[in-house]
Amino acid sequence: MRRCPSAVRDDRDRWLRRLYVVFCRIVEGLALLARSRASLEVELLALRHENTVLRRANPRARLDWVDRPFWTPMSTCGTSPCLDRSWTR
């Protein structure tokens, strides 16, 4: 059974895309290994700053009275006997 030429081309394109993504990930990993400790610290500092700015821009959502019927049982679930792990000792 012969395949349609466009299907063969699609398969080839798909495999080339996958190969390209794998190649990019390998190169990124090697670049990460080659980086100095100082550059990693700078990146970590920048990410922490970004997190702080995003938290400031989007504060935690306030719960409304409509949310209480859902969250009240969920909050007490952690203290229920069903999660008591004393039987594993």
C-alpha atoms as a PDB file:
ATOM      1  CA  MET A   1       0.000   0.000   0.000  1.00  0.00           C
ATOM      2  CA  ARG A   2       1.542   3.272  -1.106  1.00  0.00           C
ATOM      3  CA  ARG A   3       1.374   6.296   1.099  1.00  0.00           C
ATOM      4  CA  CYS A   4       0.386   9.726  -0.012  1.00  0.00           C
ATOM      5  CA  PRO A   5       3.454  11.917  -0.713  1.00  0.00           C
ATOM      6  CA  SER A   6       2.132  14.606   1.630  1.00  0.00           C
ATOM      7  CA  ALA A   7       1.825  12.030   4.448  1.00  0.00           C
ATOM      8  CA  VAL A   8       5.441  10.984   3.917  1.00  0.00           C
ATOM      9  CA  ARG A   9       6.500  14.618   3.951  1.00  0.00           C
ATOM     10  CA  ASP A  10       4.472  15.223   7.148  1.00  0.00           C
ATOM     11  CA  ASP A  11       6.176  12.261   8.832  1.00  0.00           C
ATOM     12  CA  ARG A  12       9.573  13.523   7.773  1.00  0.00           C
ATOM     13  CA  ASP A  13       8.772  17.049   8.999  1.00  0.00           C
ATOM     14  CA  ARG A  14       7.539  15.686  12.308  1.00  0.00           C
ATOM     15  CA  TRP A  15      10.731  13.687  12.835  1.00  0.00           C
ATOM     16  CA  LEU A  16      12.896  16.641  11.847  1.00  0.00           C
ATOM     17  CA  ARG A  17      11.039  18.826  14.350  1.00  0.00           C
ATOM     18  CA  ARG A  18      11.527  16.249  17.096  1.00  0.00           C
ATOM     19  CA  LEU A  19      15.189  15.874  16.258  1.00  0.00           C
ATOM     20  CA  TYR A  20      15.604  19.654  16.331  1.00  0.00           C
ATOM     21  CA  VAL A  21      13.933  19.904  19.758  1.00  0.00           C
ATOM     22  CA  VAL A  22      16.139  17.119  21.159  1.00  0.00           C
ATOM     23  CA  PHE A  23      19.224  18.812  19.732  1.00  0.00           C
ATOM     24  CA  CYS A  24      18.197  22.158  21.269  1.00  0.00           C
ATOM     25  CA  ARG A  25      17.638  20.553  24.687  1.00  0.00           C
ATOM     26  CA  ILE A  26      21.054  18.887  24.580  1.00  0.00           C
ATOM     27  CA  VAL A  27      22.749  22.161  23.638  1.00  0.00           C
ATOM     28  CA  GLU A  28      20.852  24.003  26.391  1.00  0.00           C
ATOM     29  CA  GLY A  29      21.923  21.385  28.920  1.00  0.00           C
ATOM     30  CA  LEU A  30      25.560  21.624  27.880  1.00  0.00           C
ATOM     31  CA  ALA A  31      25.385  25.425  28.046  1.00  0.00           C
ATOM     32  CA  LEU A  32      23.926  25.168  31.542  1.00  0.00           C
ATOM     33  CA  LEU A  33      26.766  22.910  32.656  1.00  0.00           C
ATOM     34  CA  ALA A  34      29.338  25.317  31.245  1.00  0.00           C
ATOM     35  CA  ARG A  35      27.978  28.350  33.109  1.00  0.00           C
ATOM     36  CA  SER A  36      29.828  29.745  36.070  1.00  0.00           C
ATOM     37  CA  ARG A  37      28.460  29.776  39.592  1.00  0.00           C
ATOM     38  CA  ALA A  38      28.246  33.574  39.538  1.00  0.00           C
ATOM     39  CA  SER A  39      26.006  33.615  36.462  1.00  0.00           C
ATOM     40  CA  LEU A  40      23.724  31.031  38.082  1.00  0.00           C
ATOM     41  CA  GLU A  41      23.490  33.194  41.207  1.00  0.00           C
ATOM     42  CA  VAL A  42      22.594  36.239  39.101  1.00  0.00           C
ATOM     43  CA  GLU A  43      19.871  34.298  37.300  1.00  0.00           C
ATOM     44  CA  LEU A  44      18.480  33.069  40.614  1.00  0.00           C
ATOM     45  CA  LEU A  45      18.440  36.621  41.952  1.00  0.00           C
ATOM     46  CA  ALA A  46      16.602  37.831  38.840  1.00  0.00           C
ATOM     47  CA  LEU A  47      14.007  35.049  39.137  1.00  0.00           C
ATOM     48  CA  ARG A  48      13.418  35.850  42.803  1.00  0.00           C
ATOM     49  CA  HIS A  49      12.934  39.493  41.927  1.00  0.00           C
ATOM     50  CA  GLU A  50      10.479  38.542  39.167  1.00  0.00           C
ATOM     51  CA  ASN A  51       8.504  36.420  41.646  1.00  0.00           C
ATOM     52  CA  THR A  52       8.351  39.298  44.099  1.00  0.00           C
ATOM     53  CA  VAL A  53       7.127  41.728  41.448  1.00  0.00           C
ATOM     54  CA  LEU A  54       4.489  39.273  40.206  1.00  0.00           C
ATOM     55  CA  ARG A  55       3.244  38.627  43.746  1.00  0.00           C
ATOM     56  CA  ARG A  56       2.948  42.343  44.322  1.00  0.00           C
ATOM     57  CA  ALA A  57       1.024  42.809  41.068  1.00  0.00           C
ATOM     58  CA  ASN A  58      -1.333  39.854  41.708  1.00  0.00           C
ATOM     59  CA  PRO A  59      -2.088  39.601  45.422  1.00  0.00           C
ATOM     60  CA  ARG A  60      -3.667  36.488  46.855  1.00  0.00           C
ATOM     61  CA  ALA A  61      -7.361  36.188  46.076  1.00  0.00           C
ATOM     62  CA  ARG A  62      -9.744  36.947  48.925  1.00  0.00           C
ATOM     63  CA  LEU A  63     -12.283  34.231  49.642  1.00  0.00           C
ATOM     64  CA  ASP A  64     -15.938  35.120  49.322  1.00  0.00           C
ATOM     65  CA  TRP A  65     -18.884  33.642  51.245  1.00  0.00           C
ATOM     66  CA  VAL A  66     -19.668  31.526  48.182  1.00  0.00           C
ATOM     67  CA  ASP A  67     -16.288  29.782  48.548  1.00  0.00           C
ATOM     68  CA  ARG A  68     -16.794  28.760  52.172  1.00  0.00           C
ATOM     69  CA  PRO A  69     -18.986  25.656  51.576  1.00  0.00           C
ATOM     70  CA  PHE A  70     -16.222  24.229  49.399  1.00  0.00           C
ATOM     71  CA  TRP A  71     -13.117  25.204  51.384  1.00  0.00           C
ATOM     72  CA  THR A  72     -14.397  24.443  54.912  1.00  0.00           C
ATOM     73  CA  PRO A  73     -14.511  20.652  54.433  1.00  0.00           C
ATOM     74  CA  MET A  74     -11.242  20.793  52.521  1.00  0.00           C
ATOM     75  CA  SER A  75      -9.464  22.591  55.363  1.00  0.00           C
ATOM     76  CA  THR A  76     -10.641  20.081  57.971  1.00  0.00           C
ATOM     77  CA  CYS A  77      -9.673  17.096  55.847  1.00  0.00           C
ATOM     78  CA  GLY A  78      -6.043  17.405  56.934  1.00  0.00           C
ATOM     79  CA  THR A  79      -7.009  16.789  60.570  1.00  0.00           C
ATOM     80  CA  SER A  80      -9.461  13.959  59.925  1.00  0.00           C
ATOM     81  CA  PRO A  81      -8.766  10.441  61.218  1.00  0.00           C
ATOM     82  CA  CYS A  82      -8.673   9.178  57.634  1.00  0.00           C
ATOM     83  CA  LEU A  83      -5.267  10.817  57.222  1.00  0.00           C
ATOM     84  CA  ASP A  84      -3.892   9.565  60.526  1.00  0.00           C
ATOM     85  CA  ARG A  85      -0.802   7.575  59.651  1.00  0.00           C
ATOM     86  CA  SER A  86      -0.209   6.039  63.043  1.00  0.00           C
ATOM     87  CA  TRP A  87      -1.245   2.657  61.634  1.00  0.00           C
ATOM     88  CA  THR A  88       1.889   2.643  59.470  1.00  0.00           C
ATOM     89  CA  ARG A  89       4.242   2.616  62.450  1.00  0.00           C
END
